[in-house]
Protein backbone atom coordinates (compact mmCIF):
# COMPACT_ATOMS: atom_id res chain seq x y z
CA UNK A 1 0.00 0.00 0.00
CA UNK A 2 1.44 3.34 -0.90
CA UNK A 3 1.67 5.72 1.99
CA UNK A 4 1.49 3.14 4.76
CA UNK A 5 3.26 4.48 7.79
CA UNK A 6 3.52 7.98 6.38
CA UNK A 7 0.11 9.31 7.30
CA UNK A 8 -0.96 9.67 3.65
CA UNK A 9 -3.32 7.02 2.42
CA UNK A 10 -4.68 6.19 -0.98
CA UNK A 11 -8.12 7.78 -1.02
CA UNK A 12 -8.73 6.21 -4.43
CA UNK A 13 -9.58 2.80 -2.96
CA UNK A 14 -13.03 1.76 -4.11
CA UNK A 15 -15.55 -0.78 -2.83
CA UNK A 16 -15.19 -2.55 -6.19
CA UNK A 17 -11.63 -3.67 -5.34
CA UNK A 18 -11.82 -5.75 -2.12
CA UNK A 19 -8.12 -6.66 -2.30
CA UNK A 20 -7.02 -3.01 -2.39
CA UNK A 21 -9.56 -2.09 0.29
CA UNK A 22 -8.28 -4.94 2.46
CA UNK A 23 -4.70 -3.72 2.10
CA UNK A 24 -5.73 -0.14 2.86
CA UNK A 25 -7.60 -1.17 6.01
CA UNK A 26 -4.67 -3.29 7.24
CA UNK A 27 -2.27 -0.40 6.66
CA UNK A 28 -4.37 2.13 8.52
CA UNK A 29 -5.11 -0.24 11.41
CA UNK A 30 -1.40 -1.05 11.66
CA UNK A 31 -0.48 2.64 11.81
CA UNK A 32 -3.18 3.44 14.39
CA UNK A 33 -2.02 0.50 16.52
CA UNK A 34 1.60 1.65 16.35
CA UNK A 35 0.62 5.19 17.33
CA UNK A 36 -1.48 4.00 20.26
CA UNK A 37 1.45 1.84 21.36
CA UNK A 38 3.68 4.94 21.29
CA UNK A 39 1.16 6.83 23.40
CA UNK A 40 1.02 4.07 26.03
CA UNK A 41 4.83 3.91 26.22
CA UNK A 42 4.67 7.30 27.95
CA UNK A 43 2.64 5.68 30.74
CA UNK A 44 4.17 2.23 31.07
CA UNK A 45 6.71 -0.21 29.77
CA UNK A 46 4.22 -3.06 30.16
CA UNK A 47 4.29 -5.03 26.88
CA UNK A 48 1.29 -4.90 24.54
CA UNK A 49 0.48 -8.55 25.21
CA UNK A 50 0.03 -7.71 28.89
CA UNK A 51 -1.97 -4.59 28.04
CA UNK A 52 -4.30 -6.77 25.96
CA UNK A 53 -4.77 -9.13 28.91
CA UNK A 54 -5.56 -6.18 31.20
CA UNK A 55 -8.22 -5.00 28.78
CA UNK A 56 -9.67 -8.48 28.26
CA UNK A 57 -9.90 -9.21 32.00
CA UNK A 58 -11.51 -5.83 32.58
CA UNK A 59 -14.26 -6.61 30.08
CA UNK A 60 -14.47 -10.34 30.87
CA UNK A 61 -13.22 -11.05 34.40
CA UNK A 62 -12.74 -14.63 35.53
CA UNK A 63 -11.26 -16.11 32.37
CA UNK A 64 -8.73 -18.91 32.66
CA UNK A 65 -5.32 -18.70 31.05
CA UNK A 66 -6.47 -21.11 28.31
CA UNK A 67 -9.54 -18.97 27.61
CA UNK A 68 -7.37 -15.87 27.42
CA UNK A 69 -5.06 -17.62 24.96
CA UNK A 70 -7.99 -18.45 22.67
CA UNK A 71 -9.43 -14.95 22.95
CA UNK A 72 -6.08 -13.31 22.16
CA UNK A 73 -5.10 -15.81 19.44
CA UNK A 74 -1.89 -16.95 21.11
CA UNK A 75 -0.55 -20.33 22.20
CA UNK A 76 -1.48 -21.41 25.73
CA UNK A 77 2.24 -21.57 26.64
CA UNK A 78 2.70 -17.94 25.59
CA UNK A 79 -0.33 -16.85 27.60
CA UNK A 80 0.89 -18.78 30.65
CA UNK A 81 4.19 -16.89 30.48
CA UNK A 82 2.34 -13.57 30.11
CA UNK A 83 0.01 -14.31 33.03
CA UNK A 84 2.90 -15.48 35.23
CA UNK A 85 4.76 -12.22 34.60
CA UNK A 86 1.62 -10.21 35.33
CA UNK A 87 1.00 -12.07 38.59
CA UNK A 88 4.59 -11.32 39.68
CA UNK A 89 4.02 -7.64 38.89
CA UNK A 90 0.83 -7.63 40.94
CA UNK A 91 -1.41 -6.80 37.96
CA UNK A 92 -3.58 -9.93 38.02
CA UNK A 93 -4.51 -12.53 40.59
CA UNK A 94 -5.73 -16.09 40.31
CA UNK A 95 -8.76 -17.27 42.26
CA UNK A 96 -10.38 -20.66 42.64
CA UNK A 97 -13.76 -20.65 40.88
CA UNK A 98 -16.73 -21.02 43.22
CA UNK A 99 -18.51 -23.51 40.94
CA UNK A 100 -15.44 -25.65 40.17
CA UNK A 101 -12.44 -25.83 42.52
CA UNK A 102 -10.26 -27.13 39.65
CA UNK A 103 -10.78 -23.93 37.67
CA UNK A 104 -8.38 -21.00 38.27
CA UNK A 105 -9.95 -17.70 37.23
CA UNK A 106 -7.93 -14.57 36.56
CA UNK A 107 -8.93 -11.13 37.80
CA UNK A 108 -7.37 -7.69 37.72
CA UNK A 109 -5.88 -6.40 40.94
CA UNK A 110 -6.38 -2.78 41.99
CA UNK A 111 -2.91 -2.08 40.57
CA UNK A 112 -3.79 -3.73 37.26
CA UNK A 113 -7.02 -1.75 36.99
CA UNK A 114 -5.20 1.49 37.83
CA UNK A 115 -2.59 0.86 35.14
CA UNK A 116 -5.28 0.03 32.58
CA UNK A 117 -7.07 3.29 33.37
CA UNK A 118 -3.83 5.27 32.93
CA UNK A 119 -3.24 3.63 29.56
CA UNK A 120 -6.83 4.23 28.44
CA UNK A 121 -6.74 7.86 29.52
CA UNK A 122 -3.51 8.53 27.65
CA UNK A 123 -4.75 6.83 24.49
CA UNK A 124 -8.18 8.42 24.69
CA UNK A 125 -6.68 11.88 25.17
CA UNK A 126 -4.56 11.48 22.03
CA UNK A 127 -7.46 10.19 19.93
CA UNK A 128 -9.86 12.83 21.27
CA UNK A 129 -7.45 15.69 20.56
CA UNK A 130 -6.89 14.39 17.02
CA UNK A 131 -10.65 14.07 16.44
CA UNK A 132 -11.31 17.57 17.75
CA UNK A 133 -8.49 19.31 15.89
CA UNK A 134 -8.07 17.43 12.62
CA UNK A 135 -11.60 16.39 11.66
CA UNK A 136 -14.82 18.23 10.86
CA UNK A 137 -18.16 17.12 12.29
CA UNK A 138 -19.00 15.48 8.95
CA UNK A 139 -15.70 13.58 8.99
CA UNK A 140 -16.29 12.50 12.61
CA UNK A 141 -19.72 11.19 11.52
CA UNK A 142 -18.04 9.15 8.79
CA UNK A 143 -15.55 7.80 11.34
CA UNK A 144 -18.42 6.86 13.67
CA UNK A 145 -19.99 4.84 10.86
CA UNK A 146 -16.62 3.26 10.06
CA UNK A 147 -16.23 2.14 13.68
CA UNK A 148 -19.45 0.12 13.44
CA UNK A 149 -18.32 -1.42 10.16
CA UNK A 150 -14.86 -2.26 11.50
CA UNK A 151 -16.55 -3.85 14.50
CA UNK A 152 -18.42 -6.12 12.11
CA UNK A 153 -15.15 -6.86 10.33
CA UNK A 154 -13.65 -8.36 13.50
CA UNK A 155 -16.93 -9.62 14.95
CA UNK A 156 -18.54 -13.01 15.12
CA UNK A 157 -18.03 -14.97 11.89
CA UNK A 158 -21.57 -16.39 11.93
CA UNK A 159 -23.06 -12.93 12.35
CA UNK A 160 -20.93 -11.63 9.49
CA UNK A 161 -22.07 -14.43 7.16
CA UNK A 162 -25.67 -13.84 8.18
CA UNK A 163 -25.58 -10.10 7.50
CA UNK A 164 -23.46 -10.14 4.34
CA UNK A 165 -25.10 -7.99 1.71
CA UNK A 166 -23.98 -6.72 -1.63
CA UNK A 167 -24.80 -3.02 -1.69
């Protein structure tokens, strides 16, 4: 994709060329992700994998390490190493599940939640400032619509197949 990483993107991508649209979306998402990573580096040196676990456990507390691995698309061994490091740092804790004593559920500690809030605030401030200063109301409306569409892009595969329409 021309312009990837430079902030200039090919506005000539059309809905009639799914391959080019796919490449354009990947490039923009990659650049946004890199920029958000830079913003969080000002707050913490916690690796992105651990930041993802913080976010996931905030939205879905009580997952096991294996469930986290599936949700984050990583190998269980990798997730075990991530969780072990986070437990040592005091960011997550493991609890025995009430309904099944064999199940070890993971939860954020107060320190983990505090760190997640700092990261979110920093990232949100950057995005909000950019939205307020670099985009018109009409452009923000288009971005709001794009958010819903991108959500469908990464959403449930069955739902996507069920709602697929050719417009």
